[in-house]
Protein backbone atom coordinates (compact mmCIF):
# COMPACT_ATOMS: atom_id res chain seq x y z
CA UNK A 1 31.57 -12.75 33.91
CA UNK A 2 27.87 -13.46 33.92
CA UNK A 3 25.90 -11.66 31.24
CA UNK A 4 23.09 -9.76 32.98
CA UNK A 5 21.85 -8.03 29.87
CA UNK A 6 18.02 -8.15 29.65
CA UNK A 7 15.30 -6.77 27.42
CA UNK A 8 14.91 -3.99 29.95
CA UNK A 9 18.65 -3.09 29.62
CA UNK A 10 18.36 -2.73 25.82
CA UNK A 11 15.10 -0.78 26.08
CA UNK A 12 16.57 1.62 28.67
CA UNK A 13 19.72 2.23 26.58
CA UNK A 14 17.71 2.98 23.43
CA UNK A 15 14.93 4.88 25.12
CA UNK A 16 12.20 2.68 23.71
CA UNK A 17 9.63 0.31 25.22
CA UNK A 18 10.56 -3.18 26.37
CA UNK A 19 7.72 -4.65 24.34
CA UNK A 20 9.17 -3.16 21.10
CA UNK A 21 12.54 -4.77 21.87
CA UNK A 22 10.83 -8.10 22.61
CA UNK A 23 8.85 -8.04 19.35
CA UNK A 24 11.97 -7.33 17.26
CA UNK A 25 14.05 -10.03 18.93
CA UNK A 26 11.21 -12.52 18.49
CA UNK A 27 11.11 -11.81 14.75
CA UNK A 28 7.75 -9.97 14.89
CA UNK A 29 8.84 -6.47 13.78
CA UNK A 30 6.84 -6.52 10.56
CA UNK A 31 3.76 -7.92 12.27
CA UNK A 32 3.70 -4.91 14.63
CA UNK A 33 4.77 -2.45 11.91
CA UNK A 34 8.05 -1.55 13.61
CA UNK A 35 10.24 0.48 11.22
CA UNK A 36 13.22 -1.15 9.56
CA UNK A 37 15.50 1.43 11.09
CA UNK A 38 14.32 0.69 14.65
CA UNK A 39 14.63 -3.02 14.01
CA UNK A 40 18.20 -2.66 12.82
CA UNK A 41 19.20 -0.54 15.82
CA UNK A 42 17.72 -3.01 18.29
CA UNK A 43 19.40 -6.00 16.65
CA UNK A 44 22.74 -4.15 16.49
CA UNK A 45 22.56 -3.13 20.14
CA UNK A 46 21.59 -6.65 21.26
CA UNK A 47 24.60 -8.03 19.41
CA UNK A 48 27.00 -5.42 20.83
CA UNK A 49 25.78 -6.12 24.36
CA UNK A 50 26.05 -9.95 23.80
CA UNK A 51 22.39 -10.31 24.74
CA UNK A 52 21.37 -13.97 25.23
CA UNK A 53 17.67 -14.79 25.55
CA UNK A 54 16.70 -16.51 28.83
CA UNK A 55 14.84 -19.69 27.79
CA UNK A 56 13.38 -20.18 31.28
CA UNK A 57 11.90 -16.68 31.31
CA UNK A 58 10.52 -17.19 27.85
CA UNK A 59 9.01 -20.53 28.86
CA UNK A 60 7.28 -18.98 31.83
CA UNK A 61 5.98 -16.13 29.71
CA UNK A 62 4.64 -18.42 26.98
CA UNK A 63 3.68 -21.35 29.26
CA UNK A 64 5.65 -23.59 26.87
CA UNK A 65 9.00 -25.26 27.38
CA UNK A 66 9.54 -26.89 23.98
CA UNK A 67 10.51 -30.10 25.75
CA UNK A 68 8.96 -33.54 25.48
CA UNK A 69 9.23 -36.38 27.97
CA UNK A 70 10.14 -39.77 26.50
CA UNK A 71 9.51 -42.71 28.84
CA UNK A 72 10.77 -46.14 27.78
CA UNK A 73 11.09 -49.44 29.67
CA UNK A 74 14.67 -50.44 28.85
CA UNK A 75 17.27 -48.25 27.13
CA UNK A 76 19.70 -51.21 27.00
CA UNK A 77 17.33 -52.93 24.60
CA UNK A 78 18.41 -52.01 21.04
CA UNK A 79 14.81 -51.73 19.98
CA UNK A 80 14.02 -48.98 22.53
CA UNK A 81 17.34 -47.21 22.02
CA UNK A 82 16.49 -47.07 18.33
CA UNK A 83 13.04 -45.68 19.11
CA UNK A 84 14.63 -43.05 21.43
CA UNK A 85 17.08 -41.97 18.75
CA UNK A 86 14.38 -41.62 16.09
CA UNK A 87 12.09 -39.70 18.39
CA UNK A 88 14.89 -37.35 19.42
CA UNK A 89 15.98 -36.68 15.81
CA UNK A 90 12.47 -35.93 14.69
CA UNK A 91 11.76 -33.73 17.72
CA UNK A 92 14.90 -31.73 17.10
CA UNK A 93 13.84 -30.99 13.53
CA UNK A 94 10.60 -29.56 14.88
CA UNK A 95 12.25 -27.40 17.55
CA UNK A 96 11.74 -29.60 20.61
CA UNK A 97 14.17 -31.16 23.07
CA UNK A 98 13.79 -34.57 24.72
CA UNK A 99 14.00 -35.53 28.41
CA UNK A 100 14.54 -39.30 28.48
CA UNK A 101 13.50 -41.57 31.34
CA UNK A 102 14.37 -45.27 31.54
CA UNK A 103 11.90 -47.12 33.80
CA UNK A 104 13.81 -50.44 33.82
CA UNK A 105 10.55 -52.37 33.36
CA UNK A 106 9.46 -51.14 36.80
CA UNK A 107 5.95 -49.73 37.28
CA UNK A 108 6.92 -47.70 40.39
CA UNK A 109 9.86 -46.12 38.58
CA UNK A 110 7.55 -45.35 35.69
CA UNK A 111 5.17 -43.50 38.02
CA UNK A 112 8.10 -41.54 39.53
CA UNK A 113 9.35 -40.61 36.03
CA UNK A 114 5.98 -39.29 34.98
CA UNK A 115 5.70 -37.23 38.16
CA UNK A 116 9.15 -35.75 37.53
CA UNK A 117 8.28 -34.85 33.95
CA UNK A 118 5.06 -33.20 35.09
CA UNK A 119 7.05 -31.07 37.51
CA UNK A 120 9.48 -30.15 34.73
CA UNK A 121 6.48 -28.76 32.79
CA UNK A 122 7.14 -30.74 29.59
CA UNK A 123 4.77 -29.92 26.75
CA UNK A 124 3.85 -33.53 26.14
CA UNK A 125 4.77 -37.17 26.73
CA UNK A 126 5.65 -40.17 24.56
CA UNK A 127 5.39 -43.31 26.67
CA UNK A 128 6.24 -46.93 26.00
CA UNK A 129 4.72 -48.18 29.26
CA UNK A 130 5.77 -51.16 31.30
CA UNK A 131 2.36 -52.27 30.21
CA UNK A 132 0.39 -53.72 33.06
CA UNK A 133 -1.53 -50.79 34.53
CA UNK A 134 -2.53 -47.38 33.20
CA UNK A 135 -4.58 -45.43 35.74
CA UNK A 136 -1.83 -42.93 36.46
CA UNK A 137 -1.26 -42.36 32.72
CA UNK A 138 -4.96 -41.77 32.26
CA UNK A 139 -4.97 -39.26 35.11
CA UNK A 140 -2.17 -37.22 33.56
CA UNK A 141 -3.88 -37.27 30.18
CA UNK A 142 -7.21 -36.24 31.68
CA UNK A 143 -5.47 -33.34 33.39
CA UNK A 144 -4.60 -31.93 29.97
CA UNK A 145 -1.14 -33.37 29.20
CA UNK A 146 -0.76 -34.36 25.51
CA UNK A 147 0.32 -38.02 25.36
CA UNK A 148 1.10 -40.59 22.69
CA UNK A 149 1.67 -44.24 23.56
CA UNK A 150 4.34 -46.07 21.56
CA UNK A 151 4.87 -49.82 21.03
CA UNK A 152 3.06 -51.15 24.09
CA UNK A 153 -0.48 -49.88 24.40
CA UNK A 154 -3.72 -50.50 26.32
CA UNK A 155 -6.80 -51.43 24.28
CA UNK A 156 -9.06 -49.92 26.94
CA UNK A 157 -7.19 -46.61 27.20
CA UNK A 158 -8.51 -43.84 24.93
CA UNK A 159 -5.09 -42.31 24.14
CA UNK A 160 -3.47 -42.19 20.68
CA UNK A 161 -0.85 -44.90 20.11
CA UNK A 162 1.62 -46.13 17.49
CA UNK A 163 2.59 -49.78 17.38
CA UNK A 164 3.49 -52.71 15.08
CA UNK A 165 1.23 -55.40 13.70
CA UNK A 166 2.54 -57.86 16.24
CA UNK A 167 -0.05 -60.50 15.53
CA UNK A 168 0.60 -60.70 11.79
CA UNK A 169 4.38 -60.66 12.27
CA UNK A 170 4.20 -63.65 14.61
CA UNK A 171 1.68 -65.42 12.41
CA UNK A 172 3.95 -65.15 9.39
CA UNK A 173 7.00 -66.30 11.36
CA UNK A 174 5.29 -69.49 12.61
CA UNK A 175 3.80 -70.17 9.21
CA UNK A 176 7.29 -69.98 7.69
CA UNK A 177 8.59 -72.50 10.23
CA UNK A 178 5.70 -74.86 9.48
CA UNK A 179 6.20 -74.44 5.74
CA UNK A 180 9.74 -75.65 6.39
CA UNK A 181 8.52 -78.83 8.07
CA UNK A 182 8.63 -77.83 11.77
CA UNK A 183 5.85 -79.16 13.96
CA UNK A 184 7.22 -78.90 17.48
CA UNK A 185 7.82 -75.15 17.86
CA UNK A 186 8.47 -73.47 21.18
CA UNK A 187 7.49 -69.90 21.91
CA UNK A 188 9.59 -67.94 24.41
CA UNK A 189 7.41 -65.05 25.41
CA UNK A 190 8.16 -61.74 27.10
CA UNK A 191 6.39 -59.80 29.86
CA UNK A 192 2.94 -61.33 30.08
CA UNK A 193 -0.18 -59.12 29.84
CA UNK A 194 1.63 -56.55 27.67
CA UNK A 195 0.09 -55.85 24.28
CA UNK A 196 3.09 -56.81 22.05
CA UNK A 197 3.58 -60.07 23.93
CA UNK A 198 -0.13 -60.94 23.88
CA UNK A 199 -0.43 -60.29 20.16
CA UNK A 200 2.72 -62.21 19.26
CA UNK A 201 1.62 -65.23 21.30
CA UNK A 202 -1.80 -65.00 19.70
CA UNK A 203 -0.14 -65.06 16.27
CA UNK A 204 1.87 -68.11 17.31
CA UNK A 205 -1.24 -69.94 18.50
CA UNK A 206 -3.43 -69.13 15.50
CA UNK A 207 -0.75 -69.99 12.98
CA UNK A 208 -0.52 -73.47 14.47
CA UNK A 209 -4.30 -73.86 14.41
CA UNK A 210 -4.37 -72.57 10.84
CA UNK A 211 -2.23 -75.57 9.82
CA UNK A 212 -4.33 -77.97 11.92
CA UNK A 213 -1.51 -78.44 14.44
CA UNK A 214 -2.19 -78.67 18.21
CA UNK A 215 -1.08 -75.89 20.56
CA UNK A 216 1.06 -77.43 23.34
CA UNK A 217 0.82 -75.04 26.28
CA UNK A 218 4.02 -76.51 27.75
CA UNK A 219 5.91 -74.98 24.82
CA UNK A 220 4.79 -71.40 25.61
CA UNK A 221 7.28 -70.32 28.27
CA UNK A 222 8.95 -67.22 29.67
CA UNK A 223 7.99 -64.06 31.52
CA UNK A 224 10.21 -61.13 30.46
CA UNK A 225 11.73 -59.52 27.39
CA UNK A 226 15.29 -59.89 28.74
CA UNK A 227 18.25 -62.00 27.63
CA UNK A 228 18.31 -64.04 30.87
CA UNK A 229 14.71 -65.16 30.25
CA UNK A 230 15.72 -66.48 26.84
CA UNK A 231 18.73 -68.25 28.24
CA UNK A 232 16.98 -69.97 31.11
CA UNK A 233 13.90 -71.02 29.21
CA UNK A 234 15.93 -72.41 26.28
CA UNK A 235 18.03 -74.44 28.75
CA UNK A 236 14.87 -75.95 30.16
CA UNK A 237 13.28 -76.53 26.76
CA UNK A 238 16.32 -78.40 25.52
CA UNK A 239 16.22 -80.68 28.59
CA UNK A 240 12.62 -81.72 28.26
CA UNK A 241 11.32 -84.59 26.12
CA UNK A 242 9.38 -82.50 23.60
CA UNK A 243 12.06 -82.78 20.93
CA UNK A 244 11.48 -79.24 19.74
CA UNK A 245 12.89 -78.40 16.33
CA UNK A 246 12.38 -74.65 16.34
CA UNK A 247 12.12 -71.70 18.70
CA UNK A 248 10.11 -68.50 18.14
CA UNK A 249 11.48 -65.72 20.33
CA UNK A 250 9.24 -62.72 20.86
CA UNK A 251 12.13 -60.22 21.34
CA UNK A 252 15.68 -59.65 20.19
CA UNK A 253 17.17 -59.91 23.69
CA UNK A 254 15.34 -63.20 24.33
CA UNK A 255 16.92 -64.47 21.10
CA UNK A 256 20.45 -63.66 22.29
CA UNK A 257 19.86 -65.61 25.49
CA UNK A 258 18.45 -68.50 23.52
CA UNK A 259 21.49 -68.65 21.24
CA UNK A 260 23.82 -68.70 24.26
CA UNK A 261 21.93 -71.66 25.73
CA UNK A 262 21.86 -73.49 22.39
CA UNK A 263 25.59 -73.20 21.87
CA UNK A 264 26.36 -74.17 25.48
CA UNK A 265 24.43 -77.38 24.89
CA UNK A 266 26.68 -78.15 21.96
CA UNK A 267 23.91 -77.66 19.41
CA UNK A 268 24.04 -75.76 16.10
CA UNK A 269 21.67 -73.32 14.41
CA UNK A 270 19.98 -74.32 12.14
CA UNK A 271 21.38 -77.88 11.81
CA UNK A 272 20.03 -78.96 15.21
CA UNK A 273 17.46 -76.31 15.96
CA UNK A 274 15.95 -73.43 13.99
CA UNK A 275 15.15 -70.00 15.47
CA UNK A 276 13.21 -66.87 14.48
CA UNK A 277 13.35 -63.65 16.44
CA UNK A 278 10.77 -60.89 16.61
CA UNK A 279 12.55 -57.59 15.91
CA UNK A 280 15.44 -57.18 13.53
CA UNK A 281 18.68 -55.63 14.66
CA UNK A 282 21.83 -54.46 12.76
CA UNK A 283 23.71 -57.43 14.17
CA UNK A 284 21.11 -59.99 13.02
CA UNK A 285 22.79 -60.33 9.64
CA UNK A 286 26.31 -60.68 11.17
CA UNK A 287 25.77 -63.52 13.62
CA UNK A 288 27.63 -66.82 12.99
CA UNK A 289 24.32 -67.95 11.51
CA UNK A 290 22.42 -64.88 10.22
CA UNK A 291 19.08 -64.84 11.99
CA UNK A 292 15.65 -64.87 10.41
CA UNK A 293 13.69 -62.03 12.00
CA UNK A 294 10.43 -60.13 12.02
CA UNK A 295 11.45 -56.53 11.40
CA UNK A 296 9.55 -53.51 12.69
CA UNK A 297 9.47 -49.97 11.35
CA UNK A 298 11.36 -48.36 14.21
CA UNK A 299 12.13 -45.15 12.35
CA UNK A 300 8.55 -44.59 11.24
CA UNK A 301 7.28 -45.44 14.70
CA UNK A 302 9.35 -42.65 16.19
CA UNK A 303 8.51 -40.15 13.46
CA UNK A 304 4.76 -40.74 13.60
CA UNK A 305 4.61 -40.64 17.37
CA UNK A 306 6.33 -37.28 17.59
CA UNK A 307 4.16 -35.80 14.87
CA UNK A 308 0.98 -37.01 16.56
CA UNK A 309 2.18 -35.52 19.83
CA UNK A 310 3.22 -32.12 18.47
CA UNK A 311 -0.04 -31.95 16.60
CA UNK A 312 -1.82 -32.29 19.96
CA UNK A 313 0.48 -29.73 21.61
CA UNK A 314 0.17 -27.03 18.97
CA UNK A 315 -3.44 -27.52 17.89
CA UNK A 316 -4.63 -28.35 21.42
CA UNK A 317 -6.95 -30.97 19.86
CA UNK A 318 -7.44 -34.27 21.72
CA UNK A 319 -7.74 -37.18 19.38
CA UNK A 320 -10.18 -39.92 20.29
CA UNK A 321 -8.90 -43.50 19.81
CA UNK A 322 -6.46 -42.45 17.12
CA UNK A 323 -4.08 -45.33 16.53
CA UNK A 324 -1.46 -46.24 13.92
CA UNK A 325 -0.49 -49.90 13.36
CA UNK A 326 2.61 -50.30 11.24
CA UNK A 327 3.25 -53.41 9.12
CA UNK A 328 6.03 -55.88 9.89
CA UNK A 329 8.10 -57.94 7.47
CA UNK A 330 9.68 -61.38 7.72
CA UNK A 331 13.41 -61.22 6.85
CA UNK A 332 14.50 -64.68 5.79
CA UNK A 333 18.11 -65.55 6.56
CA UNK A 334 19.86 -68.79 7.52
CA UNK A 335 18.58 -69.67 11.02
CA UNK A 336 15.69 -71.79 9.71
CA UNK A 337 16.37 -75.24 8.27
CA UNK A 338 14.13 -77.09 5.85
CA UNK A 339 13.18 -80.09 7.99
CA UNK A 340 11.99 -83.21 6.24
CA UNK A 341 11.63 -86.03 8.71
CA UNK A 342 10.39 -88.57 6.11
CA UNK A 343 12.90 -87.74 3.40
CA UNK A 344 10.03 -86.92 1.04
CA UNK A 345 10.00 -83.23 0.05
CA UNK A 346 6.38 -83.55 -0.94
CA UNK A 347 5.42 -83.52 2.78
CA UNK A 348 6.16 -79.76 2.87
CA UNK A 349 3.63 -79.07 0.12
CA UNK A 350 1.01 -80.65 2.42
CA UNK A 351 1.80 -77.97 5.00
CA UNK A 352 1.69 -75.28 2.36
CA UNK A 353 -1.81 -76.32 1.31
CA UNK A 354 -3.04 -75.88 4.89
CA UNK A 355 -1.47 -72.44 5.22
CA UNK A 356 -2.06 -71.06 1.72
CA UNK A 357 -4.64 -68.54 2.85
CA UNK A 358 -2.18 -66.62 5.09
CA UNK A 359 -0.18 -65.14 2.22
């Protein structure tokens, strides 16, 4: 049977005001100097009547739902599922629930998700946007909705964000390949015009230039962060006449596609071709050849973003251009081979002298 017990029911039974019952049940008896005896009677009666607070009524009364919208571009990507888990865990600790929306890398679906979350009256939003337009995000923020951007961000959008040092991570990865004798290095990029992709490609370019090596634009390929992109582009790279010796993949899913293509072509990692992936995953160490990766601080990214958001919600302060850029780290495993085309190991020290200032 449905429990229809309300604050009014308890107040009527005890012959006291509804506001007194509300203050006791919300833990504010001492603040309003309600006697201990009255408090005990109210709590006992509420328990006997199996009173259950109505969260919707409370939300309407306080104009606060204790829910946060989390919008990510691809829940099937282990990176974003990790972000979602960390955000949810941290939010729960602070008394908030998460409503998760997966936009499937689709801008229209992202807009629909944000409209839905506005209608659900969430207290704030954490968004990892598809990454190519932001006017509708700016509109929601300007209308008073607390927002924090995570991972992908817009340099021209004055909203707090948390991301990784994508440039430095890529720079260190390419420098490591060059230090190991690789000169023809392909870069399989993700969704173009997104901040992580742009910064990782920039790191790739500038590392080559730092070692006085040319940037071959034909070796920068790809257009999405998905596995199929990695597979197709690796197939094409291996068929051209560039004789690439290494691949830098800007995402973990791209790397999986690249590995599938490499093995289909009868090649081995790292004997025939070396590979480094941006973003470490639990499986990276358990592949047939453990993969060298650029690891990101997924846990800290989630924790910081939720704290920034709840700070906005509860203090009602809008931060101007507040951003947090977390460091990355190169995890060296076995997917990179020391390549010495001349048979003289001293050649590698030449590369190291060019790149010494990056450490």
